[in-house]
């Protein structure tokens, strides 16, 4: 597995958080906008007038403003935090093809403890998510619903809904034989998210309380190189809870359109009637 600098490359591949940021140049000038890429070599800002690309040699300092989640009405109570006695568990994370999938016990976006193994018997599509990743935004429906907190979804990528129907022989997520699980591992600050942050994400993409769709809250224990390498990506878990295939958006694993999604349709098909 490739070794890469986690923070710098996740920002480069998936985009930075939606911010009102200030970059002070060595000349003393200040450039304001939203930082979308920050590496050891360059800083890129999005502004209303367009994108500004700065070499590190031009930058004296960077000041980032905190991420603020959308304000909610008083009547919309924030999801309750886990009870101190409620224990989350990531099992044998990271998953390995051919093994039983880790039996994740995580909070869902409504603040309830959810066991992934409760879906055993269905074909499960598990998507590790970084909120700042444009591809994660697109898979969630950003092509039609817009980006979460102003982040631009990746062009040319449609939602998993559309791709599953197109490359999975018409299979849809409302089919009870299928379950779609997002595990939000990184928030906009590249840290483990809170229930409130994941609820805001799920609400934006209209995934909250949708049939056969589950949005789970990752834990700090999942913040590692293996998780980073999975994003953007997708895991295919069969009815026996075995990881059958995995796709990595940055290369490696199965081809999403030619292999993983067609295999999903095959695994979700009803078993042949027993012969007399």
C-alpha atoms as a PDB file:
ATOM      1  CA  UNK A   1       0.000   0.000   0.000  1.00  0.00           C
ATOM      2  CA  UNK A   2       1.429   3.400  -0.932  1.00  0.00           C
ATOM      3  CA  UNK A   3       2.735   5.647   1.845  1.00  0.00           C
ATOM      4  CA  UNK A   4       1.672   9.257   1.511  1.00  0.00           C
ATOM      5  CA  UNK A   5       1.439  12.284   3.721  1.00  0.00           C
ATOM      6  CA  UNK A   6      -2.121  11.966   5.020  1.00  0.00           C
ATOM      7  CA  UNK A   7      -3.110  15.579   5.485  1.00  0.00           C
ATOM      8  CA  UNK A   8      -1.437  17.143   2.458  1.00  0.00           C
ATOM      9  CA  UNK A   9      -2.587  14.563  -0.054  1.00  0.00           C
ATOM     10  CA  UNK A  10      -6.137  14.236   1.208  1.00  0.00           C
ATOM     11  CA  UNK A  11      -6.420  17.979   0.761  1.00  0.00           C
ATOM     12  CA  UNK A  12      -4.965  17.698  -2.714  1.00  0.00           C
ATOM     13  CA  UNK A  13      -7.169  14.794  -3.801  1.00  0.00           C
ATOM     14  CA  UNK A  14     -10.379  15.668  -2.073  1.00  0.00           C
ATOM     15  CA  UNK A  15     -10.342  19.416  -1.525  1.00  0.00           C
ATOM     16  CA  UNK A  16     -10.191  21.424   1.685  1.00  0.00           C
ATOM     17  CA  UNK A  17     -13.017  22.518   3.921  1.00  0.00           C
ATOM     18  CA  UNK A  18     -15.360  25.339   2.946  1.00  0.00           C
ATOM     19  CA  UNK A  19     -13.774  28.387   4.622  1.00  0.00           C
ATOM     20  CA  UNK A  20     -13.324  32.111   4.394  1.00  0.00           C
ATOM     21  CA  UNK A  21      -9.513  32.094   4.526  1.00  0.00           C
ATOM     22  CA  UNK A  22      -6.730  34.682   4.280  1.00  0.00           C
ATOM     23  CA  UNK A  23      -3.330  34.154   2.664  1.00  0.00           C
ATOM     24  CA  UNK A  24      -0.727  36.827   3.331  1.00  0.00           C
ATOM     25  CA  UNK A  25       1.865  37.098   0.576  1.00  0.00           C
ATOM     26  CA  UNK A  26       5.549  37.891   1.026  1.00  0.00           C
ATOM     27  CA  UNK A  27       4.781  41.266  -0.555  1.00  0.00           C
ATOM     28  CA  UNK A  28       2.358  42.050   2.275  1.00  0.00           C
ATOM     29  CA  UNK A  29      -0.753  41.720   0.119  1.00  0.00           C
ATOM     30  CA  UNK A  30      -3.647  39.615   1.459  1.00  0.00           C
ATOM     31  CA  UNK A  31      -5.641  37.216  -0.729  1.00  0.00           C
ATOM     32  CA  UNK A  32      -9.038  36.150   0.628  1.00  0.00           C
ATOM     33  CA  UNK A  33     -11.123  33.175  -0.479  1.00  0.00           C
ATOM     34  CA  UNK A  34     -11.677  29.493   0.288  1.00  0.00           C
ATOM     35  CA  UNK A  35      -8.600  27.284   0.375  1.00  0.00           C
ATOM     36  CA  UNK A  36      -9.301  24.152  -1.663  1.00  0.00           C
ATOM     37  CA  UNK A  37      -5.756  22.777  -1.906  1.00  0.00           C
ATOM     38  CA  UNK A  38      -2.835  23.281   0.463  1.00  0.00           C
ATOM     39  CA  UNK A  39       0.387  21.301   0.019  1.00  0.00           C
ATOM     40  CA  UNK A  40       4.073  21.862   0.639  1.00  0.00           C
ATOM     41  CA  UNK A  41       4.348  23.298  -2.881  1.00  0.00           C
ATOM     42  CA  UNK A  42       1.247  25.393  -3.451  1.00  0.00           C
ATOM     43  CA  UNK A  43      -1.890  26.987  -2.038  1.00  0.00           C
ATOM     44  CA  UNK A  44      -5.023  27.257  -4.188  1.00  0.00           C
ATOM     45  CA  UNK A  45      -7.976  29.478  -3.300  1.00  0.00           C
ATOM     46  CA  UNK A  46     -11.421  29.692  -4.825  1.00  0.00           C
ATOM     47  CA  UNK A  47     -12.731  33.241  -5.166  1.00  0.00           C
ATOM     48  CA  UNK A  48     -15.851  34.686  -6.743  1.00  0.00           C
ATOM     49  CA  UNK A  49     -13.649  35.972  -9.553  1.00  0.00           C
ATOM     50  CA  UNK A  50     -12.011  32.575 -10.126  1.00  0.00           C
ATOM     51  CA  UNK A  51      -9.255  30.291  -8.839  1.00  0.00           C
ATOM     52  CA  UNK A  52      -5.927  31.669  -7.555  1.00  0.00           C
ATOM     53  CA  UNK A  53      -2.866  29.389  -7.571  1.00  0.00           C
ATOM     54  CA  UNK A  54       0.033  30.468  -5.347  1.00  0.00           C
ATOM     55  CA  UNK A  55       3.490  28.940  -5.049  1.00  0.00           C
ATOM     56  CA  UNK A  56       4.616  28.395  -1.468  1.00  0.00           C
ATOM     57  CA  UNK A  57       7.512  30.778  -2.113  1.00  0.00           C
ATOM     58  CA  UNK A  58       4.916  33.563  -2.497  1.00  0.00           C
ATOM     59  CA  UNK A  59       3.143  32.781   0.794  1.00  0.00           C
ATOM     60  CA  UNK A  60       4.150  34.337   4.104  1.00  0.00           C
ATOM     61  CA  UNK A  61       1.289  32.990   6.231  1.00  0.00           C
ATOM     62  CA  UNK A  62      -2.110  31.310   6.050  1.00  0.00           C
ATOM     63  CA  UNK A  63      -5.046  32.025   8.350  1.00  0.00           C
ATOM     64  CA  UNK A  64      -8.080  29.742   8.185  1.00  0.00           C
ATOM     65  CA  UNK A  65     -11.424  30.633   9.673  1.00  0.00           C
ATOM     66  CA  UNK A  66     -13.336  27.927  11.577  1.00  0.00           C
ATOM     67  CA  UNK A  67     -15.920  25.799   9.797  1.00  0.00           C
ATOM     68  CA  UNK A  68     -19.458  26.697  10.886  1.00  0.00           C
ATOM     69  CA  UNK A  69     -22.220  24.179  10.315  1.00  0.00           C
ATOM     70  CA  UNK A  70     -25.602  25.442   9.087  1.00  0.00           C
ATOM     71  CA  UNK A  71     -27.734  27.023  11.798  1.00  0.00           C
ATOM     72  CA  UNK A  72     -30.699  24.863  12.821  1.00  0.00           C
ATOM     73  CA  UNK A  73     -34.002  26.073  14.186  1.00  0.00           C
ATOM     74  CA  UNK A  74     -34.614  25.687  17.910  1.00  0.00           C
ATOM     75  CA  UNK A  75     -37.384  23.179  17.170  1.00  0.00           C
ATOM     76  CA  UNK A  76     -34.850  20.952  15.415  1.00  0.00           C
ATOM     77  CA  UNK A  77     -33.017  19.474  18.359  1.00  0.00           C
ATOM     78  CA  UNK A  78     -29.468  18.333  17.649  1.00  0.00           C
ATOM     79  CA  UNK A  79     -28.951  14.579  17.706  1.00  0.00           C
ATOM     80  CA  UNK A  80     -28.192  13.326  21.174  1.00  0.00           C
ATOM     81  CA  UNK A  81     -24.605  12.419  21.970  1.00  0.00           C
ATOM     82  CA  UNK A  82     -23.918   8.776  22.754  1.00  0.00           C
ATOM     83  CA  UNK A  83     -24.651   7.700  26.291  1.00  0.00           C
ATOM     84  CA  UNK A  84     -21.381   7.154  28.210  1.00  0.00           C
ATOM     85  CA  UNK A  85     -22.189   3.451  28.464  1.00  0.00           C
ATOM     86  CA  UNK A  86     -22.706   3.070  24.706  1.00  0.00           C
ATOM     87  CA  UNK A  87     -19.574   1.544  23.206  1.00  0.00           C
ATOM     88  CA  UNK A  88     -18.654   1.891  19.549  1.00  0.00           C
ATOM     89  CA  UNK A  89     -16.517  -0.781  17.890  1.00  0.00           C
ATOM     90  CA  UNK A  90     -14.713  -0.920  14.529  1.00  0.00           C
ATOM     91  CA  UNK A  91     -14.018  -4.645  14.688  1.00  0.00           C
ATOM     92  CA  UNK A  92     -11.162  -5.834  12.478  1.00  0.00           C
ATOM     93  CA  UNK A  93     -10.803  -2.558  10.581  1.00  0.00           C
ATOM     94  CA  UNK A  94      -9.492  -2.160   7.882  1.00  0.00           C
ATOM     95  CA  UNK A  95     -11.489  -4.673   5.794  1.00  0.00           C
ATOM     96  CA  UNK A  96      -9.795  -7.257   3.588  1.00  0.00           C
ATOM     97  CA  UNK A  97     -11.243  -8.825   0.439  1.00  0.00           C
ATOM     98  CA  UNK A  98     -12.237 -12.425   1.088  1.00  0.00           C
ATOM     99  CA  UNK A  99     -12.691 -11.897   4.849  1.00  0.00           C
ATOM    100  CA  UNK A 100     -15.832 -11.202   6.813  1.00  0.00           C
ATOM    101  CA  UNK A 101     -16.402  -7.457   6.884  1.00  0.00           C
ATOM    102  CA  UNK A 102     -15.609  -5.738  10.202  1.00  0.00           C
ATOM    103  CA  UNK A 103     -18.733  -5.732  12.358  1.00  0.00           C
ATOM    104  CA  UNK A 104     -18.890  -1.982  12.786  1.00  0.00           C
ATOM    105  CA  UNK A 105     -20.890  -0.769  15.768  1.00  0.00           C
ATOM    106  CA  UNK A 106     -21.173   2.982  15.171  1.00  0.00           C
ATOM    107  CA  UNK A 107     -23.568   5.813  15.882  1.00  0.00           C
ATOM    108  CA  UNK A 108     -25.838   6.675  12.969  1.00  0.00           C
ATOM    109  CA  UNK A 109     -26.754  10.190  11.881  1.00  0.00           C
ATOM    110  CA  UNK A 110     -29.756  10.154  14.239  1.00  0.00           C
ATOM    111  CA  UNK A 111     -27.605   9.385  17.277  1.00  0.00           C
ATOM    112  CA  UNK A 112     -28.509   5.700  17.571  1.00  0.00           C
ATOM    113  CA  UNK A 113     -26.032   2.830  17.870  1.00  0.00           C
ATOM    114  CA  UNK A 114     -26.070   0.766  14.675  1.00  0.00           C
ATOM    115  CA  UNK A 115     -24.508  -2.657  14.075  1.00  0.00           C
ATOM    116  CA  UNK A 116     -23.480  -3.272  10.482  1.00  0.00           C
ATOM    117  CA  UNK A 117     -24.013  -7.007  10.955  1.00  0.00           C
ATOM    118  CA  UNK A 118     -27.737  -6.288  11.335  1.00  0.00           C
ATOM    119  CA  UNK A 119     -27.715  -6.042   7.515  1.00  0.00           C
ATOM    120  CA  UNK A 120     -26.363  -9.566   7.033  1.00  0.00           C
ATOM    121  CA  UNK A 121     -28.492 -11.329   4.445  1.00  0.00           C
ATOM    122  CA  UNK A 122     -28.507  -8.301   2.142  1.00  0.00           C
ATOM    123  CA  UNK A 123     -25.922  -7.161  -0.388  1.00  0.00           C
ATOM    124  CA  UNK A 124     -24.220  -4.166   1.197  1.00  0.00           C
ATOM    125  CA  UNK A 125     -22.425  -1.298  -0.531  1.00  0.00           C
ATOM    126  CA  UNK A 126     -20.175   0.453   2.007  1.00  0.00           C
ATOM    127  CA  UNK A 127     -18.712   3.829   1.076  1.00  0.00           C
ATOM    128  CA  UNK A 128     -15.962   5.377   3.256  1.00  0.00           C
ATOM    129  CA  UNK A 129     -16.488   9.147   3.113  1.00  0.00           C
ATOM    130  CA  UNK A 130     -14.480  12.310   3.632  1.00  0.00           C
ATOM    131  CA  UNK A 131     -16.777  15.337   3.750  1.00  0.00           C
ATOM    132  CA  UNK A 132     -14.212  17.461   1.911  1.00  0.00           C
ATOM    133  CA  UNK A 133     -13.795  14.971  -0.947  1.00  0.00           C
ATOM    134  CA  UNK A 134     -15.485  16.175  -4.163  1.00  0.00           C
ATOM    135  CA  UNK A 135     -15.999  12.583  -5.343  1.00  0.00           C
ATOM    136  CA  UNK A 136     -17.706  11.636  -2.052  1.00  0.00           C
ATOM    137  CA  UNK A 137     -19.976  14.629  -2.560  1.00  0.00           C
ATOM    138  CA  UNK A 138     -20.805  13.536  -6.105  1.00  0.00           C
ATOM    139  CA  UNK A 139     -21.523   9.912  -5.143  1.00  0.00           C
ATOM    140  CA  UNK A 140     -23.915  11.245  -2.490  1.00  0.00           C
ATOM    141  CA  UNK A 141     -25.918  13.235  -5.029  1.00  0.00           C
ATOM    142  CA  UNK A 142     -23.962  16.471  -5.278  1.00  0.00           C
ATOM    143  CA  UNK A 143     -24.418  16.562  -9.051  1.00  0.00           C
ATOM    144  CA  UNK A 144     -28.098  17.414  -8.514  1.00  0.00           C
ATOM    145  CA  UNK A 145     -28.249  18.660  -4.890  1.00  0.00           C
ATOM    146  CA  UNK A 146     -25.103  20.765  -4.896  1.00  0.00           C
ATOM    147  CA  UNK A 147     -22.044  20.470  -2.690  1.00  0.00           C
ATOM    148  CA  UNK A 148     -22.133  20.292   1.100  1.00  0.00           C
ATOM    149  CA  UNK A 149     -21.186  23.657   2.658  1.00  0.00           C
ATOM    150  CA  UNK A 150     -20.171  25.055  -0.703  1.00  0.00           C
ATOM    151  CA  UNK A 151     -17.630  22.409  -1.736  1.00  0.00           C
ATOM    152  CA  UNK A 152     -17.795  21.776  -5.467  1.00  0.00           C
ATOM    153  CA  UNK A 153     -18.685  18.143  -6.320  1.00  0.00           C
ATOM    154  CA  UNK A 154     -16.328  16.413  -8.732  1.00  0.00           C
ATOM    155  CA  UNK A 155     -17.368  17.024 -12.314  1.00  0.00           C
ATOM    156  CA  UNK A 156     -18.371  14.036 -14.402  1.00  0.00           C
ATOM    157  CA  UNK A 157     -19.414  11.826 -11.476  1.00  0.00           C
ATOM    158  CA  UNK A 158     -23.087  11.120 -10.840  1.00  0.00           C
ATOM    159  CA  UNK A 159     -24.689   9.637  -7.738  1.00  0.00           C
ATOM    160  CA  UNK A 160     -24.365   6.012  -6.728  1.00  0.00           C
ATOM    161  CA  UNK A 161     -28.123   5.769  -7.345  1.00  0.00           C
ATOM    162  CA  UNK A 162     -27.648   6.545 -11.025  1.00  0.00           C
ATOM    163  CA  UNK A 163     -24.511   4.482 -11.478  1.00  0.00           C
ATOM    164  CA  UNK A 164     -26.031   1.420  -9.816  1.00  0.00           C
ATOM    165  CA  UNK A 165     -29.064   1.563 -12.090  1.00  0.00           C
ATOM    166  CA  UNK A 166     -26.924   2.090 -15.182  1.00  0.00           C
ATOM    167  CA  UNK A 167     -24.191  -0.467 -14.540  1.00  0.00           C
ATOM    168  CA  UNK A 168     -26.107  -2.817 -12.254  1.00  0.00           C
ATOM    169  CA  UNK A 169     -28.758  -3.848 -14.733  1.00  0.00           C
ATOM    170  CA  UNK A 170     -31.404  -1.457 -13.417  1.00  0.00           C
ATOM    171  CA  UNK A 171     -30.838  -2.351  -9.743  1.00  0.00           C
ATOM    172  CA  UNK A 172     -31.959   0.452  -7.415  1.00  0.00           C
ATOM    173  CA  UNK A 173     -31.219   1.287  -3.814  1.00  0.00           C
ATOM    174  CA  UNK A 174     -34.895   0.918  -2.921  1.00  0.00           C
ATOM    175  CA  UNK A 175     -34.541  -2.822  -3.603  1.00  0.00           C
ATOM    176  CA  UNK A 176     -34.806  -4.520  -0.160  1.00  0.00           C
ATOM    177  CA  UNK A 177     -32.048  -6.957  -1.155  1.00  0.00           C
ATOM    178  CA  UNK A 178     -29.564  -4.062  -1.141  1.00  0.00           C
ATOM    179  CA  UNK A 179     -28.272  -1.715   1.560  1.00  0.00           C
ATOM    180  CA  UNK A 180     -26.133   1.389   1.037  1.00  0.00           C
ATOM    181  CA  UNK A 181     -23.984   2.415   4.007  1.00  0.00           C
ATOM    182  CA  UNK A 182     -21.890   5.567   4.177  1.00  0.00           C
ATOM    183  CA  UNK A 183     -19.251   5.638   6.911  1.00  0.00           C
ATOM    184  CA  UNK A 184     -18.218   9.273   7.324  1.00  0.00           C
ATOM    185  CA  UNK A 185     -14.621   8.970   8.512  1.00  0.00           C
ATOM    186  CA  UNK A 186     -13.366  12.546   8.029  1.00  0.00           C
ATOM    187  CA  UNK A 187     -15.153  15.812   8.754  1.00  0.00           C
ATOM    188  CA  UNK A 188     -14.226  19.056   7.009  1.00  0.00           C
ATOM    189  CA  UNK A 189     -11.237  19.485   9.337  1.00  0.00           C
ATOM    190  CA  UNK A 190      -9.975  15.953   8.547  1.00  0.00           C
ATOM    191  CA  UNK A 191     -10.913  14.755  12.014  1.00  0.00           C
ATOM    192  CA  UNK A 192     -13.463  12.204  13.192  1.00  0.00           C
ATOM    193  CA  UNK A 193     -16.937  13.768  12.779  1.00  0.00           C
ATOM    194  CA  UNK A 194     -19.614  14.359  15.376  1.00  0.00           C
ATOM    195  CA  UNK A 195     -23.166  13.081  15.127  1.00  0.00           C
ATOM    196  CA  UNK A 196     -24.315  16.649  14.453  1.00  0.00           C
ATOM    197  CA  UNK A 197     -21.915  17.067  11.538  1.00  0.00           C
ATOM    198  CA  UNK A 198     -22.930  13.745   9.985  1.00  0.00           C
ATOM    199  CA  UNK A 199     -26.626  14.595  10.450  1.00  0.00           C
ATOM    200  CA  UNK A 200     -26.065  17.865   8.558  1.00  0.00           C
ATOM    201  CA  UNK A 201     -24.324  15.916   5.776  1.00  0.00           C
ATOM    202  CA  UNK A 202     -27.103  13.317   5.545  1.00  0.00           C
ATOM    203  CA  UNK A 203     -29.813  15.999   5.588  1.00  0.00           C
ATOM    204  CA  UNK A 204     -28.134  17.933   2.776  1.00  0.00           C
ATOM    205  CA  UNK A 205     -28.027  14.883   0.509  1.00  0.00           C
ATOM    206  CA  UNK A 206     -31.504  13.700   1.563  1.00  0.00           C
ATOM    207  CA  UNK A 207     -30.136  10.441   2.969  1.00  0.00           C
ATOM    208  CA  UNK A 208     -31.645  10.793   6.440  1.00  0.00           C
ATOM    209  CA  UNK A 209     -34.206   8.075   7.194  1.00  0.00           C
ATOM    210  CA  UNK A 210     -34.185   6.925   3.575  1.00  0.00           C
ATOM    211  CA  UNK A 211     -35.098   3.259   3.133  1.00  0.00           C
ATOM    212  CA  UNK A 212     -32.070   0.937   2.794  1.00  0.00           C
ATOM    213  CA  UNK A 213     -29.629   3.825   3.285  1.00  0.00           C
ATOM    214  CA  UNK A 214     -27.571   4.242   6.468  1.00  0.00           C
ATOM    215  CA  UNK A 215     -25.139   7.063   7.299  1.00  0.00           C
ATOM    216  CA  UNK A 216     -22.751   6.223  10.137  1.00  0.00           C
ATOM    217  CA  UNK A 217     -20.338   8.273  12.229  1.00  0.00           C
ATOM    218  CA  UNK A 218     -16.695   7.207  12.042  1.00  0.00           C
ATOM    219  CA  UNK A 219     -14.470   7.194  15.125  1.00  0.00           C
ATOM    220  CA  UNK A 220     -10.928   8.491  15.783  1.00  0.00           C
ATOM    221  CA  UNK A 221      -9.697   4.883  15.646  1.00  0.00           C
ATOM    222  CA  UNK A 222     -10.493   4.880  11.911  1.00  0.00           C
ATOM    223  CA  UNK A 223      -8.211   7.828  11.135  1.00  0.00           C
ATOM    224  CA  UNK A 224      -5.294   5.999   9.584  1.00  0.00           C
ATOM    225  CA  UNK A 225      -3.493   5.450   6.300  1.00  0.00           C
ATOM    226  CA  UNK A 226      -5.709   2.498   5.372  1.00  0.00           C
ATOM    227  CA  UNK A 227      -8.847   4.633   5.660  1.00  0.00           C
ATOM    228  CA  UNK A 228      -7.253   7.419   3.649  1.00  0.00           C
ATOM    229  CA  UNK A 229      -6.376   5.012   0.846  1.00  0.00           C
ATOM    230  CA  UNK A 230     -10.039   3.942   0.606  1.00  0.00           C
ATOM    231  CA  UNK A 231     -11.383   7.411  -0.187  1.00  0.00           C
ATOM    232  CA  UNK A 232     -13.014   7.848  -2.608  1.00  0.00           C
ATOM    233  CA  UNK A 233     -14.047   4.232  -2.927  1.00  0.00           C
ATOM    234  CA  UNK A 234     -16.665   1.541  -2.442  1.00  0.00           C
ATOM    235  CA  UNK A 235     -16.834  -1.899  -0.799  1.00  0.00           C
ATOM    236  CA  UNK A 236     -19.129  -4.717  -1.910  1.00  0.00           C
ATOM    237  CA  UNK A 237     -20.213  -7.088   0.875  1.00  0.00           C
ATOM    238  CA  UNK A 238     -22.195 -10.214   0.000  1.00  0.00           C
ATOM    239  CA  UNK A 239     -25.183 -11.745   1.810  1.00  0.00           C
ATOM    240  CA  UNK A 240     -22.831 -13.791   4.020  1.00  0.00           C
ATOM    241  CA  UNK A 241     -21.110 -10.588   5.180  1.00  0.00           C
ATOM    242  CA  UNK A 242     -17.926 -11.281   3.205  1.00  0.00           C
ATOM    243  CA  UNK A 243     -16.094  -8.465   1.399  1.00  0.00           C
ATOM    244  CA  UNK A 244     -16.196  -9.569  -2.233  1.00  0.00           C
ATOM    245  CA  UNK A 245     -14.812  -6.532  -4.053  1.00  0.00           C
ATOM    246  CA  UNK A 246     -13.444  -3.051  -3.428  1.00  0.00           C
ATOM    247  CA  UNK A 247     -12.931  -0.006  -5.635  1.00  0.00           C
ATOM    248  CA  UNK A 248     -10.438   2.816  -5.087  1.00  0.00           C
ATOM    249  CA  UNK A 249     -11.122   6.056  -6.911  1.00  0.00           C
ATOM    250  CA  UNK A 250      -7.411   6.921  -7.051  1.00  0.00           C
ATOM    251  CA  UNK A 251      -6.498   3.564  -8.621  1.00  0.00           C
ATOM    252  CA  UNK A 252      -6.457  -0.091  -7.649  1.00  0.00           C
ATOM    253  CA  UNK A 253      -9.056  -2.660  -6.720  1.00  0.00           C
ATOM    254  CA  UNK A 254     -11.952  -3.527  -8.996  1.00  0.00           C
ATOM    255  CA  UNK A 255     -13.275  -1.381 -11.810  1.00  0.00           C
ATOM    256  CA  UNK A 256     -16.415   0.271 -10.449  1.00  0.00           C
ATOM    257  CA  UNK A 257     -18.429   0.186 -13.660  1.00  0.00           C
ATOM    258  CA  UNK A 258     -17.249  -3.029 -15.306  1.00  0.00           C
ATOM    259  CA  UNK A 259     -16.820  -5.210 -12.224  1.00  0.00           C
ATOM    260  CA  UNK A 260     -18.110  -4.040  -8.852  1.00  0.00           C
ATOM    261  CA  UNK A 261     -21.550  -2.690  -9.805  1.00  0.00           C
ATOM    262  CA  UNK A 262     -22.369  -5.566 -12.203  1.00  0.00           C
ATOM    263  CA  UNK A 263     -21.302  -7.985  -9.443  1.00  0.00           C
ATOM    264  CA  UNK A 264     -23.641  -6.167  -7.054  1.00  0.00           C
ATOM    265  CA  UNK A 265     -26.582  -6.906  -9.348  1.00  0.00           C
ATOM    266  CA  UNK A 266     -25.577 -10.550  -9.645  1.00  0.00           C
ATOM    267  CA  UNK A 267     -25.280 -11.011  -5.878  1.00  0.00           C
ATOM    268  CA  UNK A 268     -28.589  -9.205  -5.256  1.00  0.00           C
ATOM    269  CA  UNK A 269     -30.527 -11.326  -7.748  1.00  0.00           C
ATOM    270  CA  UNK A 270     -33.006 -13.727  -6.109  1.00  0.00           C
ATOM    271  CA  UNK A 271     -31.650 -17.279  -5.801  1.00  0.00           C
ATOM    272  CA  UNK A 272     -32.902 -19.745  -8.365  1.00  0.00           C
ATOM    273  CA  UNK A 273     -35.941 -21.699  -7.295  1.00  0.00           C
ATOM    274  CA  UNK A 274     -35.049 -25.098  -5.959  1.00  0.00           C
ATOM    275  CA  UNK A 275     -35.577 -27.828  -8.522  1.00  0.00           C
ATOM    276  CA  UNK A 276     -38.069 -30.543  -7.590  1.00  0.00           C
END
